[in-house]
PDB file of N, CA and C in Angstrom:
ATOM      1  N   MET A   1     -90.311  84.462 -52.903  1.00  0.00           N
ATOM      2  CA  MET A   1     -90.150  83.495 -51.842  1.00  0.00           C
ATOM      3  C   MET A   1     -88.959  83.914 -50.993  1.00  0.00           C
ATOM      4  N   ALA A   2     -89.099  83.826 -49.696  1.00  0.00           N
ATOM      5  CA  ALA A   2     -88.015  84.179 -48.775  1.00  0.00           C
ATOM      6  C   ALA A   2     -87.664  82.959 -47.929  1.00  0.00           C
ATOM      7  N   PHE A   3     -86.396  82.875 -47.544  1.00  0.00           N
ATOM      8  CA  PHE A   3     -85.955  81.761 -46.713  1.00  0.00           C
ATOM      9  C   PHE A   3     -84.739  82.167 -45.894  1.00  0.00           C
ATOM     10  N   ILE A   4     -84.455  81.378 -44.865  1.00  0.00           N
ATOM     11  CA  ILE A   4     -83.293  81.596 -44.003  1.00  0.00           C
ATOM     12  C   ILE A   4     -82.193  80.652 -44.468  1.00  0.00           C
ATOM     13  N   ARG A   5     -81.005  81.201 -44.625  1.00  0.00           N
ATOM     14  CA  ARG A   5     -79.866  80.410 -45.085  1.00  0.00           C
ATOM     15  C   ARG A   5     -78.799  80.381 -43.991  1.00  0.00           C
ATOM     16  N   LYS A   6     -78.329  79.180 -43.654  1.00  0.00           N
ATOM     17  CA  LYS A   6     -77.207  79.006 -42.730  1.00  0.00           C
ATOM     18  C   LYS A   6     -76.021  78.506 -43.535  1.00  0.00           C
ATOM     19  N   PHE A   7     -74.837  79.000 -43.212  1.00  0.00           N
ATOM     20  CA  PHE A   7     -73.642  78.587 -43.941  1.00  0.00           C
ATOM     21  C   PHE A   7     -72.419  78.726 -43.040  1.00  0.00           C
ATOM     22  N   GLU A   8     -71.356  78.029 -43.409  1.00  0.00           N
ATOM     23  CA  GLU A   8     -70.113  78.108 -42.645  1.00  0.00           C
ATOM     24  C   GLU A   8     -69.249  79.222 -43.220  1.00  0.00           C
ATOM     25  N   THR A   9     -68.773  80.107 -42.341  1.00  0.00           N
ATOM     26  CA  THR A   9     -67.912  81.203 -42.768  1.00  0.00           C
ATOM     27  C   THR A   9     -66.466  80.714 -42.862  1.00  0.00           C
ATOM     28  N   ALA A  10     -65.606  81.556 -43.403  1.00  0.00           N
ATOM     29  CA  ALA A  10     -64.189  81.205 -43.549  1.00  0.00           C
ATOM     30  C   ALA A  10     -63.528  80.977 -42.194  1.00  0.00           C
ATOM     31  N   SER A  11     -64.027  81.657 -41.158  1.00  0.00           N
ATOM     32  CA  SER A  11     -63.450  81.508 -39.822  1.00  0.00           C
ATOM     33  C   SER A  11     -64.008  80.308 -39.063  1.00  0.00           C
ATOM     34  N   GLY A  12     -64.961  79.596 -39.672  1.00  0.00           N
ATOM     35  CA  GLY A  12     -65.537  78.422 -39.029  1.00  0.00           C
ATOM     36  C   GLY A  12     -66.810  78.699 -38.257  1.00  0.00           C
ATOM     37  N   ALA A  13     -67.249  79.952 -38.214  1.00  0.00           N
ATOM     38  CA  ALA A  13     -68.508  80.292 -37.549  1.00  0.00           C
ATOM     39  C   ALA A  13     -69.674  79.914 -38.473  1.00  0.00           C
ATOM     40  N   THR A  14     -70.876  79.996 -37.945  1.00  0.00           N
ATOM     41  CA  THR A  14     -72.076  79.744 -38.744  1.00  0.00           C
ATOM     42  C   THR A  14     -72.741  81.072 -39.046  1.00  0.00           C
ATOM     43  N   GLY A  15     -72.841  81.401 -40.325  1.00  0.00           N
ATOM     44  CA  GLY A  15     -73.492  82.637 -40.740  1.00  0.00           C
ATOM     45  C   GLY A  15     -74.969  82.407 -40.987  1.00  0.00           C
ATOM     46  N   VAL A  16     -75.752  83.459 -40.792  1.00  0.00           N
ATOM     47  CA  VAL A  16     -77.201  83.399 -41.015  1.00  0.00           C
ATOM     48  C   VAL A  16     -77.589  84.565 -41.921  1.00  0.00           C
ATOM     49  N   GLN A  17     -78.317  84.245 -42.982  1.00  0.00           N
ATOM     50  CA  GLN A  17     -78.806  85.251 -43.912  1.00  0.00           C
ATOM     51  C   GLN A  17     -80.285  85.024 -44.186  1.00  0.00           C
ATOM     52  N   VAL A  18     -80.984  86.097 -44.519  1.00  0.00           N
ATOM     53  CA  VAL A  18     -82.345  85.995 -45.033  1.00  0.00           C
ATOM     54  C   VAL A  18     -82.243  86.320 -46.517  1.00  0.00           C
ATOM     55  N   CYS A  19     -82.733  85.406 -47.357  1.00  0.00           N
ATOM     56  CA  CYS A  19     -82.635  85.557 -48.807  1.00  0.00           C
ATOM     57  C   CYS A  19     -84.019  85.591 -49.432  1.00  0.00           C
ATOM     58  N   TRP A  20     -84.153  86.364 -50.503  1.00  0.00           N
ATOM     59  CA  TRP A  20     -85.391  86.423 -51.260  1.00  0.00           C
ATOM     60  C   TRP A  20     -85.093  85.978 -52.683  1.00  0.00           C
ATOM     61  N   LYS A  21     -85.939  85.079 -53.197  1.00  0.00           N
ATOM     62  CA  LYS A  21     -85.794  84.577 -54.564  1.00  0.00           C
ATOM     63  C   LYS A  21     -86.961  85.051 -55.413  1.00  0.00           C
ATOM     64  N   GLN A  22     -86.651  85.326 -56.678  1.00  0.00           N
ATOM     65  CA  GLN A  22     -87.685  85.682 -57.645  1.00  0.00           C
ATOM     66  C   GLN A  22     -87.309  85.020 -58.960  1.00  0.00           C
ATOM     67  N   ASN A  23     -88.203  84.241 -59.516  1.00  0.00           N
ATOM     68  CA  ASN A  23     -87.956  83.493 -60.753  1.00  0.00           C
ATOM     69  C   ASN A  23     -86.723  82.605 -60.630  1.00  0.00           C
ATOM     70  N   GLY A  24     -86.534  81.992 -59.459  1.00  0.00           N
ATOM     71  CA  GLY A  24     -85.433  81.068 -59.252  1.00  0.00           C
ATOM     72  C   GLY A  24     -84.083  81.712 -59.020  1.00  0.00           C
ATOM     73  N   GLU A  25     -84.055  83.026 -58.883  1.00  0.00           N
ATOM     74  CA  GLU A  25     -82.800  83.757 -58.714  1.00  0.00           C
ATOM     75  C   GLU A  25     -82.844  84.573 -57.428  1.00  0.00           C
ATOM     76  N   VAL A  26     -81.769  84.535 -56.645  1.00  0.00           N
ATOM     77  CA  VAL A  26     -81.705  85.320 -55.410  1.00  0.00           C
ATOM     78  C   VAL A  26     -81.599  86.792 -55.793  1.00  0.00           C
ATOM     79  N   VAL A  27     -82.550  87.601 -55.306  1.00  0.00           N
ATOM     80  CA  VAL A  27     -82.579  89.020 -55.654  1.00  0.00           C
ATOM     81  C   VAL A  27     -82.206  89.932 -54.485  1.00  0.00           C
ATOM     82  N   LYS A  28     -82.249  89.404 -53.271  1.00  0.00           N
ATOM     83  CA  LYS A  28     -81.914  90.219 -52.106  1.00  0.00           C
ATOM     84  C   LYS A  28     -81.409  89.320 -50.988  1.00  0.00           C
ATOM     85  N   ILE A  29     -80.358  89.784 -50.298  1.00  0.00           N
ATOM     86  CA  ILE A  29     -79.803  89.053 -49.165  1.00  0.00           C
ATOM     87  C   ILE A  29     -79.585  90.033 -48.021  1.00  0.00           C
ATOM     88  N   VAL A  30     -80.046  89.654 -46.833  1.00  0.00           N
ATOM     89  CA  VAL A  30     -79.772  90.426 -45.620  1.00  0.00           C
ATOM     90  C   VAL A  30     -78.950  89.535 -44.701  1.00  0.00           C
ATOM     91  N   HIS A  31     -77.734  89.979 -44.399  1.00  0.00           N
ATOM     92  CA  HIS A  31     -76.878  89.213 -43.490  1.00  0.00           C
ATOM     93  C   HIS A  31     -77.300  89.534 -42.055  1.00  0.00           C
ATOM     94  N   VAL A  32     -77.720  88.516 -41.319  1.00  0.00           N
ATOM     95  CA  VAL A  32     -78.192  88.704 -39.947  1.00  0.00           C
ATOM     96  C   VAL A  32     -77.021  88.694 -38.981  1.00  0.00           C
ATOM     97  N   GLY A  33     -76.046  87.817 -39.208  1.00  0.00           N
ATOM     98  CA  GLY A  33     -74.883  87.760 -38.337  1.00  0.00           C
ATOM     99  C   GLY A  33     -74.195  86.413 -38.414  1.00  0.00           C
ATOM    100  N   SER A  34     -73.152  86.267 -37.569  1.00  0.00           N
ATOM    101  CA  SER A  34     -72.394  85.020 -37.484  1.00  0.00           C
ATOM    102  C   SER A  34     -72.310  84.588 -36.035  1.00  0.00           C
ATOM    103  N   ALA A  35     -72.368  83.289 -35.811  1.00  0.00           N
ATOM    104  CA  ALA A  35     -72.384  82.756 -34.443  1.00  0.00           C
ATOM    105  C   ALA A  35     -71.297  81.707 -34.279  1.00  0.00           C
ATOM    106  N   ASN A  36     -70.724  81.679 -33.072  1.00  0.00           N
ATOM    107  CA  ASN A  36     -69.713  80.683 -32.739  1.00  0.00           C
ATOM    108  C   ASN A  36     -70.210  79.681 -31.709  1.00  0.00           C
ATOM    109  N   SER A  37     -71.467  79.823 -31.264  1.00  0.00           N
ATOM    110  CA  SER A  37     -72.031  78.889 -30.287  1.00  0.00           C
ATOM    111  C   SER A  37     -73.482  78.600 -30.648  1.00  0.00           C
ATOM    112  N   GLU A  38     -74.016  77.537 -30.076  1.00  0.00           N
ATOM    113  CA  GLU A  38     -75.413  77.161 -30.330  1.00  0.00           C
ATOM    114  C   GLU A  38     -76.380  78.224 -29.806  1.00  0.00           C
ATOM    115  N   VAL A  39     -76.058  78.812 -28.664  1.00  0.00           N
ATOM    116  CA  VAL A  39     -76.931  79.844 -28.077  1.00  0.00           C
ATOM    117  C   VAL A  39     -76.989  81.058 -28.992  1.00  0.00           C
ATOM    118  N   ALA A  40     -75.835  81.497 -29.476  1.00  0.00           N
ATOM    119  CA  ALA A  40     -75.791  82.647 -30.372  1.00  0.00           C
ATOM    120  C   ALA A  40     -76.502  82.338 -31.691  1.00  0.00           C
ATOM    121  N   LEU A  41     -76.349  81.111 -32.176  1.00  0.00           N
ATOM    122  CA  LEU A  41     -77.013  80.712 -33.420  1.00  0.00           C
ATOM    123  C   LEU A  41     -78.530  80.750 -33.255  1.00  0.00           C
ATOM    124  N   GLU A  42     -79.036  80.270 -32.125  1.00  0.00           N
ATOM    125  CA  GLU A  42     -80.484  80.311 -31.868  1.00  0.00           C
ATOM    126  C   GLU A  42     -80.997  81.746 -31.880  1.00  0.00           C
ATOM    127  N   LYS A  43     -80.246  82.666 -31.285  1.00  0.00           N
ATOM    128  CA  LYS A  43     -80.647  84.083 -31.266  1.00  0.00           C
ATOM    129  C   LYS A  43     -80.693  84.647 -32.681  1.00  0.00           C
ATOM    130  N   LEU A  44     -79.699  84.303 -33.491  1.00  0.00           N
ATOM    131  CA  LEU A  44     -79.675  84.797 -34.869  1.00  0.00           C
ATOM    132  C   LEU A  44     -80.822  84.218 -35.686  1.00  0.00           C
ATOM    133  N   LEU A  45     -81.139  82.945 -35.475  1.00  0.00           N
ATOM    134  CA  LEU A  45     -82.247  82.334 -36.211  1.00  0.00           C
ATOM    135  C   LEU A  45     -83.585  82.968 -35.825  1.00  0.00           C
ATOM    136  N   LYS A  46     -83.754  83.313 -34.548  1.00  0.00           N
ATOM    137  CA  LYS A  46     -84.981  83.998 -34.122  1.00  0.00           C
ATOM    138  C   LYS A  46     -85.063  85.385 -34.740  1.00  0.00           C
ATOM    139  N   LYS A  47     -83.923  86.077 -34.802  1.00  0.00           N
ATOM    140  CA  LYS A  47     -83.889  87.401 -35.417  1.00  0.00           C
ATOM    141  C   LYS A  47     -84.215  87.302 -36.908  1.00  0.00           C
ATOM    142  N   ALA A  48     -83.674  86.286 -37.580  1.00  0.00           N
ATOM    143  CA  ALA A  48     -83.952  86.077 -39.001  1.00  0.00           C
ATOM    144  C   ALA A  48     -85.432  85.774 -39.224  1.00  0.00           C
ATOM    145  N   GLN A  49     -86.022  84.962 -38.350  1.00  0.00           N
ATOM    146  CA  GLN A  49     -87.450  84.643 -38.475  1.00  0.00           C
ATOM    147  C   GLN A  49     -88.298  85.887 -38.295  1.00  0.00           C
ATOM    148  N   LYS A  50     -87.885  86.777 -37.393  1.00  0.00           N
ATOM    149  CA  LYS A  50     -88.618  88.025 -37.185  1.00  0.00           C
ATOM    150  C   LYS A  50     -88.556  88.893 -38.444  1.00  0.00           C
ATOM    151  N   ILE A  51     -87.401  88.925 -39.104  1.00  0.00           N
ATOM    152  CA  ILE A  51     -87.273  89.678 -40.357  1.00  0.00           C
ATOM    153  C   ILE A  51     -88.252  89.116 -41.394  1.00  0.00           C
ATOM    154  N   LEU A  52     -88.332  87.794 -41.487  1.00  0.00           N
ATOM    155  CA  LEU A  52     -89.273  87.168 -42.422  1.00  0.00           C
ATOM    156  C   LEU A  52     -90.714  87.493 -42.061  1.00  0.00           C
ATOM    157  N   ASP A  53     -91.043  87.400 -40.779  1.00  0.00           N
ATOM    158  CA  ASP A  53     -92.422  87.618 -40.340  1.00  0.00           C
ATOM    159  C   ASP A  53     -92.854  89.071 -40.505  1.00  0.00           C
ATOM    160  N   ASP A  54     -91.929  90.021 -40.357  1.00  0.00           N
ATOM    161  CA  ASP A  54     -92.275  91.434 -40.508  1.00  0.00           C
ATOM    162  C   ASP A  54     -92.720  91.764 -41.926  1.00  0.00           C
ATOM    163  N   GLY A  55     -92.267  90.988 -42.901  1.00  0.00           N
ATOM    164  CA  GLY A  55     -92.640  91.243 -44.285  1.00  0.00           C
ATOM    165  C   GLY A  55     -93.931  90.584 -44.710  1.00  0.00           C
ATOM    166  N   LYS A  56     -94.574  89.854 -43.814  1.00  0.00           N
ATOM    167  CA  LYS A  56     -95.793  89.122 -44.169  1.00  0.00           C
ATOM    168  C   LYS A  56     -97.034  89.893 -43.751  1.00  0.00           C
ATOM    169  N   ARG A  57     -98.079  89.757 -44.561  1.00  0.00           N
ATOM    170  CA  ARG A  57     -99.381  90.319 -44.194  1.00  0.00           C
ATOM    171  C   ARG A  57    -100.186  89.220 -43.519  1.00  0.00           C
ATOM    172  N   PRO A  58    -100.983  89.561 -42.528  1.00  0.00           N
ATOM    173  CA  PRO A  58    -101.836  88.539 -41.912  1.00  0.00           C
ATOM    174  C   PRO A  58    -102.904  88.068 -42.895  1.00  0.00           C
ATOM    175  N   LEU A  59    -103.260  86.812 -42.784  1.00  0.00           N
ATOM    176  CA  LEU A  59    -104.278  86.248 -43.653  1.00  0.00           C
ATOM    177  C   LEU A  59    -105.658  86.809 -43.315  1.00  0.00           C
ATOM    178  N   PHE A  60    -105.915  87.016 -42.032  1.00  0.00           N
ATOM    179  CA  PHE A  60    -107.186  87.568 -41.562  1.00  0.00           C
ATOM    180  C   PHE A  60    -106.930  88.763 -40.675  1.00  0.00           C
ATOM    181  N   ASP A  61    -107.835  89.719 -40.709  1.00  0.00           N
ATOM    182  CA  ASP A  61    -107.786  90.855 -39.796  1.00  0.00           C
ATOM    183  C   ASP A  61    -108.652  90.494 -38.599  1.00  0.00           C
ATOM    184  N   LEU A  62    -108.023  90.028 -37.529  1.00  0.00           N
ATOM    185  CA  LEU A  62    -108.778  89.568 -36.360  1.00  0.00           C
ATOM    186  C   LEU A  62    -109.547  90.695 -35.693  1.00  0.00           C
ATOM    187  N   ALA A  63    -109.077  91.922 -35.805  1.00  0.00           N
ATOM    188  CA  ALA A  63    -109.793  93.058 -35.223  1.00  0.00           C
ATOM    189  C   ALA A  63    -111.166  93.232 -35.897  1.00  0.00           C
ATOM    190  N   GLU A  64    -111.244  92.908 -37.179  1.00  0.00           N
ATOM    191  CA  GLU A  64    -112.517  93.012 -37.904  1.00  0.00           C
ATOM    192  C   GLU A  64    -113.552  92.047 -37.308  1.00  0.00           C
ATOM    193  N   PHE A  65    -113.139  90.850 -36.926  1.00  0.00           N
ATOM    194  CA  PHE A  65    -114.051  89.883 -36.334  1.00  0.00           C
ATOM    195  C   PHE A  65    -114.535  90.350 -34.968  1.00  0.00           C
ATOM    196  N   ASP A  66    -113.670  91.020 -34.209  1.00  0.00           N
ATOM    197  CA  ASP A  66    -114.050  91.520 -32.882  1.00  0.00           C
ATOM    198  C   ASP A  66    -115.098  92.624 -33.002  1.00  0.00           C
ATOM    199  N   ARG A  67    -115.033  93.434 -34.061  1.00  0.00           N
ATOM    200  CA  ARG A  67    -115.979  94.550 -34.223  1.00  0.00           C
ATOM    201  C   ARG A  67    -117.382  94.045 -34.579  1.00  0.00           C
ATOM    202  N   LYS A  68    -117.497  92.854 -35.149  1.00  0.00           N
ATOM    203  CA  LYS A  68    -118.794  92.338 -35.585  1.00  0.00           C
ATOM    204  C   LYS A  68    -119.641  91.787 -34.447  1.00  0.00           C
ATOM    205  N   LYS A  69    -119.084  91.687 -33.265  1.00  0.00           N
ATOM    206  CA  LYS A  69    -119.848  91.121 -32.139  1.00  0.00           C
ATOM    207  C   LYS A  69    -120.879  92.076 -31.622  1.00  0.00           C
TER     208      LYS A  69
END
């Protein structure tokens, strides 16, 4: 299972990480970055979501449906 984690850094910024859990234990963490503004935080959250989405396989191969026509 993978998820996005937001946390407060020692400097007061908001950090963003992508974490992977296996058997209830965090096995991998990718630090995406730290933000000091809402705009920067939104950019980091989008980047983190892209990291999550890149690791997913599509449920259906839509190209296969197009070939059957």
